[in-house]
N, C-alpha and C. Protein backbone atom coordinates (compact mmCIF):
# COMPACT_ATOMS: atom_id res chain seq x y z
N UNK A 1 28.48 77.30 -118.46
CA UNK A 1 27.73 77.47 -117.84
C UNK A 1 26.53 76.93 -117.99
N UNK A 2 26.05 77.12 -116.59
CA UNK A 2 24.31 75.36 -116.94
C UNK A 2 23.47 75.90 -116.64
N UNK A 3 21.92 76.74 -117.26
CA UNK A 3 20.61 77.47 -115.82
C UNK A 3 20.35 75.24 -115.44
N UNK A 4 19.68 75.60 -114.40
CA UNK A 4 18.75 74.53 -114.23
C UNK A 4 17.41 75.04 -113.89
N UNK A 5 16.50 74.72 -114.38
CA UNK A 5 14.68 74.73 -113.94
C UNK A 5 14.36 73.58 -112.96
N UNK A 6 13.64 73.43 -112.35
CA UNK A 6 12.97 72.00 -111.67
C UNK A 6 11.46 72.47 -111.65
N UNK A 7 10.68 71.11 -111.51
CA UNK A 7 9.51 71.41 -112.01
C UNK A 7 8.75 69.61 -111.18
N UNK A 8 7.71 69.72 -111.11
CA UNK A 8 6.76 68.68 -110.53
C UNK A 8 6.86 68.81 -109.00
N UNK A 9 6.96 69.66 -108.27
CA UNK A 9 6.44 69.00 -107.22
C UNK A 9 5.27 69.19 -106.53
N UNK A 10 4.83 69.69 -105.50
CA UNK A 10 3.31 69.32 -105.08
C UNK A 10 2.86 68.83 -103.97
N UNK A 11 1.60 68.84 -103.93
CA UNK A 11 0.99 67.93 -102.34
C UNK A 11 0.61 66.76 -102.84
N UNK A 12 1.45 65.46 -102.15
CA UNK A 12 0.89 64.16 -102.13
C UNK A 12 1.14 63.78 -100.74
N UNK A 13 -0.15 62.87 -101.06
CA UNK A 13 -0.54 61.81 -99.30
C UNK A 13 0.60 60.65 -99.32
N UNK A 14 0.75 60.91 -98.51
CA UNK A 14 2.15 59.56 -97.56
C UNK A 14 1.52 58.18 -98.64
N UNK A 15 2.68 57.71 -99.20
CA UNK A 15 2.19 56.33 -99.89
C UNK A 15 2.30 56.77 -101.38
N UNK A 16 1.65 58.14 -102.17
CA UNK A 16 2.17 58.04 -103.44
C UNK A 16 3.33 58.49 -104.44
N UNK A 17 3.38 59.13 -105.04
CA UNK A 17 4.03 59.71 -105.99
C UNK A 17 4.26 60.61 -106.80
N UNK A 18 5.67 61.16 -106.93
CA UNK A 18 5.44 61.85 -107.81
C UNK A 18 7.19 61.97 -108.47
N UNK A 19 7.24 62.69 -109.61
CA UNK A 19 8.29 62.89 -110.36
C UNK A 19 8.46 64.22 -110.73
N UNK A 20 10.28 64.12 -110.49
CA UNK A 20 10.36 65.91 -110.42
C UNK A 20 11.61 65.85 -111.53
N UNK A 21 11.16 67.28 -112.85
CA UNK A 21 12.09 67.28 -113.62
C UNK A 21 13.19 68.22 -113.51
N UNK A 22 14.12 68.41 -114.13
CA UNK A 22 14.90 69.63 -113.83
C UNK A 22 15.36 69.68 -115.62
N UNK A 23 15.23 70.53 -116.44
CA UNK A 23 15.45 71.47 -117.60
C UNK A 23 16.87 72.16 -117.69
N UNK A 24 17.83 71.62 -117.58
CA UNK A 24 19.63 71.67 -117.80
C UNK A 24 19.27 72.60 -119.66
N UNK A 25 19.98 74.14 -119.27
CA UNK A 25 20.13 74.41 -120.43
C UNK A 25 21.45 74.43 -121.77
N UNK A 26 21.92 73.46 -121.62
CA UNK A 26 22.80 73.03 -122.55
C UNK A 26 23.02 71.81 -122.09
N UNK A 27 23.64 70.59 -122.77
CA UNK A 27 23.96 69.04 -123.10
C UNK A 27 24.61 68.68 -121.73
N UNK A 28 24.42 67.85 -121.08
CA UNK A 28 25.10 67.69 -119.99
C UNK A 28 25.29 66.45 -119.35
N UNK A 29 25.66 65.38 -120.72
CA UNK A 29 26.26 64.84 -120.69
C UNK A 29 27.79 64.41 -120.23
N UNK A 30 28.40 65.73 -120.20
CA UNK A 30 29.65 65.18 -119.86
C UNK A 30 29.78 66.37 -117.94
N UNK A 31 29.14 66.38 -117.51
CA UNK A 31 29.23 67.07 -116.28
C UNK A 31 30.22 66.17 -115.57
N UNK A 32 30.16 66.13 -114.32
CA UNK A 32 30.94 65.68 -113.44
C UNK A 32 30.05 64.51 -112.91
N UNK A 33 28.96 65.18 -112.37
CA UNK A 33 27.65 64.70 -110.94
C UNK A 33 26.40 65.39 -111.30
N UNK A 34 25.59 64.63 -111.49
CA UNK A 34 23.98 65.16 -111.34
C UNK A 34 23.26 64.51 -110.60
N UNK A 35 22.91 65.32 -109.72
CA UNK A 35 21.73 64.97 -108.37
C UNK A 35 21.04 65.54 -108.15
N UNK A 36 20.22 65.01 -107.02
CA UNK A 36 19.34 66.01 -106.21
C UNK A 36 19.44 66.08 -104.77
N UNK A 37 19.16 66.81 -104.95
CA UNK A 37 18.92 67.21 -103.07
C UNK A 37 17.47 67.97 -102.12
N UNK A 38 17.72 68.26 -100.74
CA UNK A 38 16.36 68.55 -100.28
C UNK A 38 16.81 68.96 -99.53
N UNK A 39 15.94 69.91 -98.96
CA UNK A 39 16.06 70.58 -97.81
C UNK A 39 14.96 70.24 -96.64
N UNK A 40 14.72 70.05 -95.43
CA UNK A 40 13.67 70.10 -94.82
C UNK A 40 13.50 70.50 -94.09
N UNK A 41 12.29 71.23 -93.37
CA UNK A 41 12.00 72.46 -92.47
C UNK A 41 13.28 72.49 -91.14
N UNK A 42 13.66 73.35 -91.18
CA UNK A 42 15.19 73.27 -89.51
C UNK A 42 16.41 72.15 -90.14
N UNK A 43 15.62 71.49 -90.80
CA UNK A 43 17.26 70.32 -91.56
C UNK A 43 18.12 71.47 -92.69
N UNK A 44 19.87 70.54 -92.73
CA UNK A 44 20.53 71.29 -93.60
C UNK A 44 20.43 70.24 -94.85
N UNK A 45 20.71 71.12 -96.01
CA UNK A 45 20.37 70.58 -96.95
C UNK A 45 21.42 68.99 -97.12
N UNK A 46 20.43 67.85 -97.78
CA UNK A 46 21.06 66.44 -98.48
C UNK A 46 21.03 66.15 -99.60
N UNK A 47 22.17 65.65 -99.58
CA UNK A 47 22.31 64.42 -101.27
C UNK A 47 20.89 63.80 -100.87
N UNK A 48 20.23 63.72 -101.96
CA UNK A 48 19.33 62.77 -102.23
C UNK A 48 19.70 61.23 -103.25
N UNK A 49 19.88 61.69 -104.06
CA UNK A 49 20.50 60.80 -105.75
C UNK A 49 20.90 61.73 -106.58
N UNK A 50 22.43 60.70 -106.57
CA UNK A 50 23.45 61.07 -107.58
C UNK A 50 23.59 60.59 -108.56
N UNK A 51 24.23 60.99 -109.94
CA UNK A 51 24.71 59.58 -110.79
C UNK A 51 26.34 60.40 -111.11
N UNK A 52 27.44 60.36 -110.65
CA UNK A 52 28.32 60.66 -110.95
C UNK A 52 29.12 59.85 -112.62
N UNK A 53 29.93 60.72 -112.93
CA UNK A 53 30.05 60.13 -114.39
C UNK A 53 31.15 59.10 -114.00
N UNK A 54 30.86 58.47 -114.70
CA UNK A 54 31.37 57.00 -114.88
C UNK A 54 31.63 55.70 -113.24
N UNK A 55 30.20 56.11 -112.63
CA UNK A 55 30.31 55.22 -111.44
C UNK A 55 28.59 55.46 -111.49
N UNK A 56 28.47 54.39 -110.41
CA UNK A 56 27.10 53.87 -110.22
C UNK A 56 26.82 54.87 -109.55
N UNK A 57 24.55 55.17 -109.68
CA UNK A 57 24.32 55.88 -108.87
C UNK A 57 24.20 55.68 -107.72
N UNK A 58 24.19 56.66 -106.60
CA UNK A 58 24.35 56.87 -105.44
C UNK A 58 22.84 57.17 -104.73
N UNK A 59 22.84 56.73 -103.79
CA UNK A 59 21.12 57.12 -103.61
C UNK A 59 21.52 57.62 -101.32
N UNK A 60 20.62 58.48 -101.30
CA UNK A 60 20.48 58.45 -99.71
C UNK A 60 19.88 57.27 -99.04
N UNK A 61 20.39 56.88 -97.76
CA UNK A 61 19.49 54.73 -97.35
C UNK A 61 18.18 55.87 -97.08
N UNK A 62 17.84 56.98 -96.61
CA UNK A 62 16.38 56.72 -96.63
C UNK A 62 15.78 56.92 -97.66
N UNK A 63 16.29 57.12 -98.66
CA UNK A 63 15.61 56.75 -99.85
C UNK A 63 15.36 55.58 -100.91
N UNK A 64 16.95 54.52 -100.34
CA UNK A 64 16.76 53.83 -101.49
C UNK A 64 15.74 52.81 -101.30
N UNK A 65 15.54 52.32 -101.86
CA UNK A 65 14.63 51.32 -103.15
C UNK A 65 13.06 52.34 -103.31
N UNK A 66 12.87 53.59 -103.06
CA UNK A 66 11.94 54.28 -103.15
C UNK A 66 12.12 55.38 -104.21
N UNK A 67 13.27 55.64 -104.76
CA UNK A 67 13.71 56.83 -105.02
C UNK A 67 14.70 56.85 -106.23
N UNK A 68 14.47 56.78 -107.69
CA UNK A 68 14.92 56.59 -108.76
C UNK A 68 15.68 57.62 -109.94
N UNK A 69 16.67 57.98 -109.95
CA UNK A 69 17.30 58.96 -110.40
C UNK A 69 17.72 58.45 -112.15
N UNK A 70 17.16 59.35 -112.80
CA UNK A 70 17.22 59.05 -114.58
C UNK A 70 17.20 60.42 -115.34
N UNK A 71 17.37 60.07 -116.80
CA UNK A 71 18.27 61.24 -117.40
C UNK A 71 17.91 60.81 -118.89
N UNK A 72 17.59 61.69 -119.77
CA UNK A 72 17.11 62.72 -120.94
C UNK A 72 18.09 63.08 -121.33
N UNK A 73 19.23 62.57 -122.40
CA UNK A 73 19.99 63.08 -122.51
C UNK A 73 19.77 63.64 -124.01
N UNK A 74 19.38 63.68 -124.79
CA UNK A 74 18.88 63.97 -125.98
C UNK A 74 17.86 65.21 -125.51
N UNK A 75 17.59 65.28 -124.48
CA UNK A 75 16.25 66.75 -124.28
C UNK A 75 17.11 67.59 -122.62
N UNK A 76 18.03 66.76 -122.47
CA UNK A 76 18.89 68.15 -121.38
C UNK A 76 17.81 68.15 -119.83
N UNK A 77 17.83 66.86 -120.19
CA UNK A 77 16.61 66.72 -118.73
C UNK A 77 17.09 65.66 -117.69
N UNK A 78 16.91 65.41 -116.61
CA UNK A 78 17.39 65.25 -115.23
C UNK A 78 16.18 64.69 -114.60
N UNK A 79 15.89 63.22 -114.10
CA UNK A 79 14.34 62.95 -113.14
C UNK A 79 15.11 62.55 -111.92
N UNK A 80 13.78 62.98 -110.95
CA UNK A 80 13.93 62.46 -109.74
C UNK A 80 12.60 61.35 -110.17
N UNK A 81 12.52 59.82 -109.10
CA UNK A 81 10.61 59.06 -109.61
C UNK A 81 11.15 59.09 -108.49
N UNK A 82 9.92 59.51 -107.26
CA UNK A 82 9.52 59.78 -105.42
C UNK A 82 8.27 58.45 -105.34
N UNK A 83 9.06 57.42 -105.49
CA UNK A 83 7.56 56.67 -104.96
C UNK A 83 7.61 56.23 -103.26
N UNK A 84 6.40 55.28 -102.50
CA UNK A 84 6.52 55.01 -101.45
C UNK A 84 6.42 56.16 -100.67
N UNK A 85 6.35 57.97 -101.13
CA UNK A 85 6.15 59.02 -100.14
C UNK A 85 5.82 58.89 -98.80
N UNK A 86 7.33 59.49 -97.72
CA UNK A 86 6.83 59.71 -96.58
C UNK A 86 6.90 61.07 -96.30
N UNK A 87 6.30 61.53 -95.09
CA UNK A 87 5.67 62.68 -94.25
C UNK A 87 7.64 63.37 -94.32
N UNK A 88 8.71 62.39 -93.75
CA UNK A 88 10.20 62.84 -94.09
C UNK A 88 10.45 63.32 -94.78
N UNK A 89 9.73 63.48 -96.41
CA UNK A 89 10.77 63.42 -97.54
C UNK A 89 10.18 64.86 -98.10
N UNK A 90 9.47 65.56 -96.83
CA UNK A 90 8.61 66.59 -97.56
C UNK A 90 9.56 67.85 -97.31
N UNK A 91 10.13 68.57 -98.09
CA UNK A 91 11.24 69.28 -98.41
C UNK A 91 11.25 70.37 -100.16
N UNK A 92 12.28 71.33 -99.53
CA UNK A 92 12.48 71.93 -101.07
C UNK A 92 13.33 70.82 -101.78
N UNK A 93 13.08 70.18 -103.05
CA UNK A 93 13.89 70.11 -104.09
C UNK A 93 14.79 70.75 -104.59
N UNK A 94 16.47 70.38 -105.12
CA UNK A 94 16.89 71.05 -106.23
C UNK A 94 17.84 70.18 -106.79
N UNK A 95 18.48 70.91 -107.76
CA UNK A 95 18.72 69.86 -108.98
C UNK A 95 20.01 70.50 -108.40
N UNK A 96 21.49 69.56 -108.92
CA UNK A 96 22.28 69.83 -108.70
C UNK A 96 23.16 69.36 -110.12
N UNK A 97 23.72 70.30 -110.33
CA UNK A 97 24.44 69.62 -112.01
C UNK A 97 26.27 70.38 -111.33
N UNK A 98 27.48 69.25 -111.54
CA UNK A 98 29.00 69.75 -111.28
C UNK A 98 29.61 69.39 -112.41
N UNK A 99 29.76 70.40 -112.69
CA UNK A 99 30.60 70.34 -115.23
C UNK A 99 31.70 71.49 -113.93
N UNK A 100 32.39 71.23 -115.25
CA UNK A 100 34.24 71.77 -115.23
C UNK A 100 34.33 71.66 -113.78
N UNK A 101 34.72 73.22 -113.48
CA UNK A 101 35.32 73.47 -112.12
C UNK A 101 33.50 73.59 -110.88
N UNK A 102 32.52 73.85 -111.34
CA UNK A 102 31.96 74.88 -110.99
C UNK A 102 30.32 74.15 -110.74
N UNK A 103 29.79 73.96 -109.21
CA UNK A 103 28.20 73.35 -109.12
C UNK A 103 27.44 74.54 -109.62
N UNK A 104 25.90 73.94 -109.66
CA UNK A 104 25.12 74.62 -110.68
C UNK A 104 23.88 74.32 -110.02
N UNK A 105 23.12 75.21 -109.53
CA UNK A 105 21.83 74.85 -109.22
C UNK A 105 20.49 75.61 -109.50
N UNK A 106 19.74 74.83 -109.64
CA UNK A 106 17.81 75.22 -109.69
C UNK A 106 17.24 76.15 -108.65
N UNK A 107 16.72 76.91 -108.98
CA UNK A 107 16.30 77.28 -107.90
C UNK A 107 15.07 76.54 -106.91
N UNK A 108 14.41 75.54 -107.58
CA UNK A 108 14.24 74.14 -105.95
C UNK A 108 12.73 74.34 -106.25
N UNK A 109 11.69 72.97 -105.40
CA UNK A 109 10.47 73.16 -106.00
C UNK A 109 10.09 72.09 -104.51
N UNK A 110 9.08 72.52 -104.08
CA UNK A 110 8.22 72.15 -102.55
C UNK A 110 7.71 71.03 -102.92
N UNK A 111 8.18 69.98 -101.80
CA UNK A 111 7.45 68.82 -102.28
C UNK A 111 6.71 68.37 -100.83
N UNK A 112 5.83 68.63 -100.69
CA UNK A 112 4.87 68.33 -99.51
C UNK A 112 4.13 67.16 -99.18
N UNK A 113 4.85 65.83 -98.06
CA UNK A 113 4.16 64.98 -98.36
C UNK A 113 3.04 64.99 -96.98
N UNK A 114 1.96 64.51 -96.65
CA UNK A 114 0.87 64.68 -96.23
C UNK A 114 1.03 63.08 -95.30
N UNK A 115 0.10 62.82 -94.26
CA UNK A 115 -0.07 61.82 -93.43
C UNK A 115 -1.16 61.41 -94.01
């Protein structure tokens, strides 16, 4: 079983940066997929970035060139570096890990980008 806790959200002006962190309760190196999703007001939850096992990193078209997903295996951490933030990036961001046959989710962290 995996427990996930996100942190690093907050209020930032357009053009600014934030780094989100996801702490996992156990080693997630063997996870099938680790990534980040977000849900904007009035919108469905969408994939932002993912690191499939043995495959290249994937990004939503809307964040390519601005966001970077990374991990620190020794610390059981997953990060999302967000640069050049736009108001449309506003939403609740969720850490996600697909491990064995289950999906694990954090509680989310709010990101608000002002104009």
